[in-house]
Amino acid sequence: MRVENQGETLNVSGIKELGAANSQLFRDEVKGAMGDAHKNIEIDLSETMFVDSCGLGALISLHKTTCNRNGTVRLLNPTPPVQQILELTRMHRIFEIVNN
């Protein structure tokens, strides 16, 4: 996983899976990388093939963190299996999803 700083936005990429095995570490690393100036998080899901309920929970936790800072979480280029999970769980209504 890679975390890059871009002004008010934290860019996260290189996530292969987001599940029970790594969701807590993912959430903690992203929250730990957030400085006072960061309001938004962009998560590139173009390499992510699997997300389970624990992974969705981690995304919701980050969403709450950004909402407290008047920011947003954007999910970039989710793969078809991840897009399907987001739609089945209606998470596509909570997160801004951007497909390039």
Protein backbone atom coordinates (compact mmCIF):
# COMPACT_ATOMS: atom_id res chain seq x y z
CA MET A 1 0.00 0.00 0.00
CA ARG A 2 1.22 3.47 -0.89
CA VAL A 3 0.11 6.69 0.85
CA GLU A 4 0.96 10.04 -0.74
CA ASN A 5 0.33 13.57 0.44
CA GLN A 6 -1.24 16.04 -2.02
CA GLY A 7 -2.22 19.24 -0.23
CA GLU A 8 -5.51 18.69 1.61
CA THR A 9 -5.83 15.19 0.10
CA LEU A 10 -4.25 11.91 1.10
CA ASN A 11 -3.91 9.50 -1.86
CA VAL A 12 -3.95 5.78 -1.06
CA SER A 13 -3.14 3.15 -3.70
CA GLY A 14 -1.71 -0.33 -4.19
CA ILE A 15 -4.42 -2.20 -2.27
CA LYS A 16 -4.84 -5.81 -3.46
CA GLU A 17 -7.42 -6.90 -0.86
CA LEU A 18 -9.35 -5.14 1.86
CA GLY A 19 -10.67 -7.74 4.26
CA ALA A 20 -10.60 -9.11 7.80
CA ALA A 21 -6.87 -9.89 7.55
CA ASN A 22 -5.73 -6.32 6.81
CA SER A 23 -8.60 -3.86 7.25
CA GLN A 24 -7.55 -2.69 10.74
CA LEU A 25 -3.96 -2.12 9.60
CA PHE A 26 -5.25 -0.28 6.51
CA ARG A 27 -7.48 2.00 8.58
CA ASP A 28 -4.79 2.67 11.20
CA GLU A 29 -2.09 3.44 8.60
CA VAL A 30 -4.32 5.85 6.68
CA LYS A 31 -5.52 7.61 9.85
CA GLY A 32 -1.92 7.75 11.09
CA ALA A 33 -0.80 9.39 7.85
CA MET A 34 -3.46 12.09 8.09
CA GLY A 35 -2.02 15.40 9.18
CA ASP A 36 -3.95 18.38 10.45
CA ALA A 37 -4.16 19.82 6.92
CA HIS A 38 -5.74 16.70 5.36
CA LYS A 39 -9.50 16.87 4.79
CA ASN A 40 -9.97 14.40 1.93
CA ILE A 41 -8.91 10.85 1.17
CA GLU A 42 -8.73 9.36 -2.34
CA ILE A 43 -8.47 5.58 -2.41
CA ASP A 44 -7.44 4.00 -5.72
CA LEU A 45 -9.24 0.63 -5.96
CA SER A 46 -8.03 -0.22 -9.48
CA GLU A 47 -5.89 -3.09 -8.12
CA THR A 48 -8.36 -4.28 -5.47
CA MET A 49 -9.99 -7.63 -6.22
CA PHE A 50 -11.66 -8.33 -2.87
CA VAL A 51 -13.50 -6.32 -0.21
CA ASP A 52 -15.46 -7.86 2.67
CA SER A 53 -17.55 -6.41 5.50
CA CYS A 54 -14.43 -5.62 7.56
CA GLY A 55 -12.98 -3.71 4.60
CA LEU A 56 -16.24 -1.79 4.20
CA GLY A 57 -16.11 -1.02 7.92
CA ALA A 58 -12.62 0.44 7.51
CA LEU A 59 -13.85 2.63 4.63
CA ILE A 60 -16.81 3.82 6.75
CA SER A 61 -14.43 4.66 9.60
CA LEU A 62 -12.33 6.79 7.24
CA HIS A 63 -15.53 8.39 5.92
CA LYS A 64 -16.49 9.44 9.46
CA THR A 65 -13.01 10.85 10.03
CA THR A 66 -13.18 13.00 6.88
CA CYS A 67 -16.74 14.13 7.64
CA ASN A 68 -15.52 15.47 10.99
CA ARG A 69 -13.03 17.57 8.98
CA ASN A 70 -15.66 18.68 6.41
CA GLY A 71 -14.00 16.48 3.78
CA THR A 72 -14.82 13.41 1.70
CA VAL A 73 -13.59 9.96 0.77
CA ARG A 74 -13.38 9.34 -2.98
CA LEU A 75 -13.08 5.80 -4.31
CA LEU A 76 -11.22 5.79 -7.62
CA ASN A 77 -11.62 3.22 -10.39
CA PRO A 78 -13.09 0.28 -8.43
CA THR A 79 -12.72 -3.08 -10.18
CA PRO A 80 -16.00 -4.76 -11.26
CA PRO A 81 -16.12 -7.13 -8.23
CA VAL A 82 -15.54 -4.22 -5.83
CA GLN A 83 -18.07 -2.02 -7.66
CA GLN A 84 -20.62 -4.83 -7.32
CA ILE A 85 -20.05 -5.05 -3.54
CA LEU A 86 -20.36 -1.26 -3.22
CA GLU A 87 -23.67 -1.33 -5.08
CA LEU A 88 -25.07 -4.40 -3.25
CA THR A 89 -24.35 -2.77 0.11
CA ARG A 90 -25.52 0.65 -1.16
CA MET A 91 -22.14 2.13 -0.26
CA HIS A 92 -22.10 3.84 -3.66
CA ARG A 93 -24.62 6.27 -2.12
CA ILE A 94 -22.23 7.18 0.70
CA PHE A 95 -18.93 7.45 -1.17
CA GLU A 96 -18.08 9.51 -4.21
CA ILE A 97 -16.98 6.98 -6.84
CA VAL A 98 -14.85 8.22 -9.71
CA ASN A 99 -14.16 6.14 -12.82
CA ASN A 100 -11.52 7.42 -15.22
